[in-house]
Structures are given as structure tokens and as C-alpha cells.
Amino acid sequence: MLWLLLVIPALLLMILRLFAADVYDAVIVWMTARWYQVVFQRLQRGNRILDVGIGTATALVKNKAELLDRHLSVVGIDYEAAYVRKAEAVLKEADLWRPAPDGTEGYRPGEFYCRVLERSIYDEGLSELCYEASDKEKPKGAVPEDLRFDAVYFSGSLTVMPDPPSALKAVLPLMKRDGQIFITQTFQKKHSPLMAFIKPLMKYITTIDFGQLTTEDDLARIIAEADCFETVENEAISGSINNHLQTARLVILKAKPKAK
């Protein structure tokens, strides 16, 4: 009987890993779809967005009407291959994985509504993300201002990364001088040693990496350590998590003048 106690959990974990992208959607999307809605409503018509940690793109697609109404385009990256494969399928099913028709207001010739790549924010050569999928040759060197992103979005992904301050600094050369970073995430209202121990272990049970326990003070420290941005807004997201332990917040950053 002892072997059953060992084998059954291992089999369950194996099954979860095989369906990791579907597990992600079942556990996360009910919350992150609202986050995307809030961010999209803050963007300007025709904005281009770099979505860092796009996951399966299911939450994005649930806001398809908002995206099309505002003529937004999104380039998403994620380092999880299973998520990227599902994101491709989800975007194609939603008819977003394609260039906007020539002459569509707010889109450059050949610009996709949405596309996703298997990349890490720590990879070299990220400047190629600023160019269109149809561009066969991506110029080397600094990206021209007009080709940079208007906004960079971290949807619950910033503190999952091993070095959040470096992730913030990595996007600076990809955004316009007046661009903004949007961060949506749940933050603990105060530090809990128990939750700090449990949260990183949840990925071994759910296959979802929830990262480290992060308080609002921790986020302030991350932004200060990056030393490139200042906080424009920091507010609770209406219609999302807000209890005595944690709250979902929208944080908007802009580059410091010296960092532009």
C-alpha cells in the first residue's frame, strides 16, 4: 500500500503537467480577465503593448471587444512553452493572430492584432519584438522611437520572475520616452512567514508558479532598486480581490527623466 501513496500523487502531478495550460486558465483567468479590462481601458487609441508573461492569452481574448474598439495591438512573450502553444491556438481561434487589414485606423501595414513568442524578458535581442512579424530583417541597434511600445504590461508576472528589478530595466529600451508600465497583481497587506513558505511551493501542486510572497512594501523596494521609474498610480482594482489579507492592485510607472 505504501507504493500507492507514492505513485498516485506522482501520476496526478504528471497529469497536471500535461494539462498545465488548462490548469492555468481554470485557476487564474477568472481574476486576470478583469485586470486586462482595467488596463485596456486606461490605454489610448492605437497603442502598442508588450505583454510580459502573457500566459495562455485567454484573459486577453476575453477582452477582445475592448482591444478592437481601441485599435490596440499586443506582442506577448512567455517562457513557458505550454502556455505559448495554447496562446497561439487561443489567438487564432479568436481571429486575432493576423495582421489588421491594410488601412485599418491605428495599425501600421502588416501589424498583427496580437502575436506571442516564447521568450524571456532576460533574453538578448529583445529589440526585435518592436518590429512587425512581416519584417524579414530586424535592424540592429537602438529601436527608433516611433517603433517602440506605448505600454508594457506585467499581469501578475513581475514577482514571478527571478530578478524583478532587472525585468523592469530590461523593458526600458523597448518603450517610448512617454510610455508607461502597467502592473496588476495581488499583494499581501502584511508579511506572513507561513504564506511566504507556502506560496513558492504551490507550483509543485498546481504547476502554476505564483512566485514569492510580495507585499506593497516589497513592490516599492523593487521599483526603487530598478531606479528607472517613478510611480504614477497605485490603486486597488475594483471588482477584484480585496480582503483583510491581500488586495489586487493596478500600479502604473513612468520612466524617470534621467532614464529616458
Protein backbone atom coordinates (compact mmCIF):
# COMPACT_ATOMS: atom_id res chain seq x y z
CA MET A 1 0.00 0.00 0.00
CA LEU A 2 2.89 2.35 0.64
CA TRP A 3 3.81 2.31 -3.03
CA LEU A 4 0.31 3.53 -3.90
CA LEU A 5 0.75 6.53 -1.62
CA LEU A 6 3.84 7.43 -3.64
CA VAL A 7 2.67 6.53 -7.13
CA ILE A 8 -0.79 8.14 -7.10
CA PRO A 9 0.41 11.69 -6.24
CA ALA A 10 3.17 11.33 -8.84
CA LEU A 11 0.64 10.32 -11.50
CA LEU A 12 -1.66 13.18 -10.57
CA LEU A 13 1.19 15.66 -10.82
CA MET A 14 2.17 14.21 -14.21
CA ILE A 15 -1.39 14.68 -15.48
CA LEU A 16 -1.44 18.24 -14.17
CA ARG A 17 1.79 18.99 -16.02
CA LEU A 18 0.39 17.56 -19.26
CA PHE A 19 -2.56 19.94 -18.95
CA ALA A 20 -0.64 22.80 -17.33
CA ALA A 21 -2.05 25.45 -19.67
CA ASP A 22 -5.63 24.35 -18.99
CA VAL A 23 -4.99 24.29 -15.23
CA TYR A 24 -3.61 27.81 -15.51
CA ASP A 25 -6.79 29.01 -17.20
CA ALA A 26 -9.06 27.32 -14.69
CA VAL A 27 -7.26 28.81 -11.69
CA ILE A 28 -6.17 32.24 -12.94
CA VAL A 29 -8.29 33.64 -15.77
CA TRP A 30 -11.41 34.49 -13.73
CA MET A 31 -9.22 37.09 -11.99
CA THR A 32 -6.83 38.26 -14.71
CA ALA A 33 -9.57 38.89 -17.28
CA ARG A 34 -10.77 41.74 -15.07
CA TRP A 35 -7.20 43.02 -14.80
CA TYR A 36 -6.83 43.16 -18.59
CA GLN A 37 -10.09 45.04 -18.83
CA VAL A 38 -8.89 47.69 -16.38
CA VAL A 39 -5.57 48.13 -18.20
CA PHE A 40 -7.07 48.23 -21.70
CA GLN A 41 -9.48 50.93 -20.55
CA ARG A 42 -6.50 53.06 -19.48
CA LEU A 43 -4.75 52.84 -22.85
CA GLN A 44 -5.00 55.30 -25.69
CA ARG A 45 -6.47 54.51 -29.08
CA GLY A 46 -3.87 52.83 -31.32
CA ASN A 47 -1.43 51.95 -28.52
CA ARG A 48 1.05 49.11 -28.96
CA ILE A 49 1.58 46.91 -25.89
CA LEU A 50 4.32 44.50 -24.86
CA ASP A 51 2.71 41.88 -22.62
CA VAL A 52 5.40 40.29 -20.44
CA GLY A 53 4.19 36.92 -19.15
CA ILE A 54 1.11 36.70 -21.36
CA GLY A 55 0.35 33.13 -20.26
CA THR A 56 -2.28 31.45 -22.44
CA ALA A 57 -3.73 34.75 -23.76
CA THR A 58 -7.19 33.60 -22.61
CA ALA A 59 -7.64 36.59 -20.31
CA LEU A 60 -6.66 38.91 -23.16
CA VAL A 61 -9.13 37.30 -25.57
CA LYS A 62 -11.94 37.78 -23.06
CA ASN A 63 -11.33 41.49 -23.66
CA LYS A 64 -11.25 41.22 -27.46
CA ALA A 65 -14.04 43.78 -27.92
CA GLU A 66 -12.14 46.37 -25.88
CA LEU A 67 -8.92 45.65 -27.80
CA LEU A 68 -10.58 46.09 -31.20
CA ASP A 69 -12.59 49.12 -30.14
CA ARG A 70 -9.42 50.91 -29.05
CA HIS A 71 -7.40 49.63 -32.03
CA LEU A 72 -4.74 48.11 -29.75
CA SER A 73 -2.03 45.69 -30.81
CA VAL A 74 -0.25 43.32 -28.44
CA VAL A 75 3.04 41.44 -28.61
CA GLY A 76 3.16 38.87 -25.83
CA ILE A 77 6.08 36.86 -24.51
CA ASP A 78 6.23 33.95 -22.08
CA TYR A 79 8.96 31.48 -21.19
CA GLU A 80 6.52 28.57 -20.62
CA ALA A 81 6.32 26.62 -23.89
CA ALA A 82 2.96 25.03 -23.00
CA TYR A 83 1.42 28.44 -22.36
CA VAL A 84 2.77 29.86 -25.62
CA ARG A 85 1.41 26.94 -27.66
CA LYS A 86 -2.04 27.40 -26.15
CA ALA A 87 -1.83 31.19 -26.59
CA GLU A 88 -1.22 30.71 -30.31
CA ALA A 89 -4.28 28.47 -30.58
CA VAL A 90 -6.46 30.80 -28.48
CA LEU A 91 -5.48 33.88 -30.51
CA LYS A 92 -6.02 32.12 -33.81
CA GLU A 93 -9.43 30.86 -32.72
CA ALA A 94 -10.34 34.43 -31.74
CA ASP A 95 -9.12 35.64 -35.17
CA LEU A 96 -6.54 37.92 -33.55
CA TRP A 97 -3.39 36.13 -34.75
CA ARG A 98 -3.27 38.02 -38.05
CA PRO A 99 -2.37 41.41 -39.48
CA ALA A 100 -5.01 44.11 -39.36
CA PRO A 101 -6.36 44.81 -42.87
CA ASP A 102 -4.37 47.46 -44.71
CA GLY A 103 -5.67 50.92 -43.96
CA THR A 104 -7.19 50.00 -40.58
CA GLU A 105 -7.01 53.02 -38.30
CA GLY A 106 -4.35 52.73 -35.59
CA TYR A 107 -2.35 49.91 -37.21
CA ARG A 108 0.78 50.02 -39.33
CA PRO A 109 0.95 47.93 -42.52
CA GLY A 110 1.48 44.28 -41.58
CA GLU A 111 0.89 44.86 -37.86
CA PHE A 112 -0.78 41.95 -36.07
CA TYR A 113 -3.65 42.43 -33.68
CA CYS A 114 -1.84 40.00 -31.34
CA ARG A 115 1.07 37.63 -31.53
CA VAL A 116 3.05 35.72 -28.94
CA LEU A 117 6.62 34.43 -28.75
CA GLU A 118 8.41 32.02 -26.45
CA ARG A 119 10.89 34.42 -24.93
CA SER A 120 12.16 35.51 -21.53
CA ILE A 121 12.43 39.17 -20.59
CA TYR A 122 16.07 38.41 -19.72
CA ASP A 123 16.91 37.22 -23.26
CA GLU A 124 19.24 39.17 -25.51
CA GLY A 125 17.95 40.71 -28.71
CA LEU A 126 14.55 41.74 -27.41
CA SER A 127 14.58 44.79 -29.68
CA GLU A 128 13.22 42.54 -32.45
CA LEU A 129 9.89 42.48 -30.58
CA CYS A 130 9.34 46.09 -31.65
CA TYR A 131 9.27 45.15 -35.31
CA GLU A 132 6.43 43.51 -37.19
CA ALA A 133 6.17 39.77 -37.80
CA SER A 134 6.34 40.52 -41.53
CA ASP A 135 9.71 42.26 -41.27
CA LYS A 136 12.26 39.78 -42.56
CA GLU A 137 15.26 41.76 -41.36
CA LYS A 138 15.25 43.43 -37.96
CA PRO A 139 17.75 46.30 -37.83
CA LYS A 140 20.39 46.10 -35.13
CA GLY A 141 21.00 48.81 -32.58
CA ALA A 142 18.60 51.11 -30.78
CA VAL A 143 14.95 50.89 -31.79
CA PRO A 144 13.58 54.09 -33.40
CA GLU A 145 11.22 55.95 -31.08
CA ASP A 146 8.17 55.52 -33.32
CA LEU A 147 8.56 51.73 -33.35
CA ARG A 148 8.77 51.32 -29.57
CA PHE A 149 5.88 50.20 -27.39
CA ASP A 150 3.49 52.70 -25.86
CA ALA A 151 2.98 50.45 -22.84
CA VAL A 152 4.45 47.40 -21.17
CA TYR A 153 2.16 45.17 -19.13
CA PHE A 154 3.04 42.74 -16.34
CA SER A 155 -0.16 40.84 -15.49
CA GLY A 156 0.66 39.04 -12.26
CA SER A 157 4.05 38.18 -13.70
CA LEU A 158 6.56 40.67 -12.28
CA THR A 159 7.30 38.99 -8.96
CA VAL A 160 7.23 35.51 -10.51
CA MET A 161 10.47 36.47 -12.20
CA PRO A 162 13.80 35.70 -10.52
CA ASP A 163 15.00 39.32 -10.68
CA PRO A 164 12.07 41.78 -10.87
CA PRO A 165 14.19 44.98 -10.85
CA SER A 166 16.17 43.69 -13.84
CA ALA A 167 12.92 42.82 -15.61
CA LEU A 168 11.77 46.43 -15.23
CA LYS A 169 15.08 47.76 -16.52
CA ALA A 170 15.01 45.34 -19.48
CA VAL A 171 11.88 46.92 -20.94
CA LEU A 172 13.18 50.49 -20.82
CA PRO A 173 14.87 50.36 -24.29
CA LEU A 174 11.65 48.91 -25.75
CA MET A 175 9.24 51.66 -24.61
CA LYS A 176 8.67 55.15 -25.84
CA ARG A 177 10.00 58.02 -23.78
CA ASP A 178 6.49 58.86 -22.60
CA GLY A 179 5.48 55.18 -22.32
CA GLN A 180 4.13 53.56 -19.19
CA ILE A 181 4.45 50.26 -17.36
CA PHE A 182 1.26 48.67 -16.05
CA ILE A 183 1.48 46.13 -13.23
CA THR A 184 -1.53 44.19 -11.98
CA GLN A 185 -1.08 41.72 -9.15
CA THR A 186 -2.34 40.65 -5.76
CA PHE A 187 -0.22 41.96 -2.90
CA GLN A 188 -0.24 40.85 0.71
CA LYS A 189 -1.18 43.63 3.11
CA LYS A 190 1.45 42.46 5.57
CA HIS A 191 4.18 39.87 5.69
CA SER A 192 3.23 36.33 6.73
CA PRO A 193 6.06 33.84 7.41
CA LEU A 194 3.66 30.92 6.82
CA MET A 195 2.44 32.21 3.44
CA ALA A 196 5.99 33.15 2.47
CA PHE A 197 6.89 29.50 2.96
CA ILE A 198 3.79 28.02 1.27
CA LYS A 199 3.39 30.24 -1.80
CA PRO A 200 6.58 29.17 -3.68
CA LEU A 201 5.67 25.50 -3.05
CA MET A 202 2.28 25.81 -4.75
CA LYS A 203 3.82 25.36 -8.19
CA TYR A 204 4.66 21.75 -7.25
CA ILE A 205 0.98 21.10 -6.56
CA THR A 206 -0.77 23.24 -9.20
CA THR A 207 2.05 23.54 -11.82
CA ILE A 208 1.46 27.32 -11.66
CA ASP A 209 4.36 29.45 -10.49
CA PHE A 210 2.85 32.01 -8.10
CA GLY A 211 6.28 33.42 -7.26
CA GLN A 212 7.31 34.78 -3.90
CA LEU A 213 5.03 36.35 -1.34
CA THR A 214 5.00 40.06 -2.13
CA THR A 215 3.75 42.96 -0.05
CA GLU A 216 3.20 46.51 -1.22
CA ASP A 217 6.39 47.46 0.59
CA ASP A 218 8.22 44.76 -1.38
CA LEU A 219 6.95 46.27 -4.65
CA ALA A 220 8.16 49.71 -3.59
CA ARG A 221 11.57 48.18 -2.92
CA ILE A 222 11.62 46.52 -6.37
CA ILE A 223 10.80 49.81 -8.10
CA ALA A 224 13.41 51.67 -6.05
CA GLU A 225 16.07 49.06 -6.82
CA ALA A 226 15.39 49.31 -10.58
CA ASP A 227 15.99 53.08 -10.16
CA CYS A 228 14.49 53.87 -13.58
CA PHE A 229 10.83 54.53 -12.86
CA GLU A 230 8.52 56.54 -10.66
CA THR A 231 5.02 55.56 -9.60
CA VAL A 232 2.18 57.43 -11.29
CA GLU A 233 -0.71 55.48 -9.77
CA ASN A 234 -1.20 52.71 -7.23
CA GLU A 235 -4.80 51.76 -6.52
CA ALA A 236 -7.00 48.77 -5.72
CA ILE A 237 -8.69 47.15 -8.71
CA SER A 238 -12.45 47.39 -8.30
CA GLY A 239 -14.22 44.09 -8.80
CA SER A 240 -11.14 42.05 -7.91
CA ILE A 241 -9.63 40.57 -4.74
CA ASN A 242 -9.69 42.86 -1.71
CA ASN A 243 -9.82 41.34 1.77
CA HIS A 244 -8.02 41.62 5.11
CA LEU A 245 -5.06 39.59 3.80
CA GLN A 246 -4.46 40.82 0.27
CA THR A 247 -5.63 43.15 -2.45
CA ALA A 248 -5.35 43.23 -6.24
CA ARG A 249 -3.77 46.49 -7.33
CA LEU A 250 -3.07 48.42 -10.50
CA VAL A 251 0.33 50.12 -10.44
CA ILE A 252 1.39 52.46 -13.23
CA LEU A 253 5.01 53.55 -13.69
CA LYS A 254 6.72 56.05 -15.97
CA ALA A 255 10.41 56.42 -16.72
CA LYS A 256 12.41 58.92 -14.72
CA PRO A 257 13.73 61.76 -16.91
CA LYS A 258 17.32 60.60 -16.50
CA ALA A 259 16.41 57.07 -17.60
CA LYS A 260 14.71 58.04 -20.89
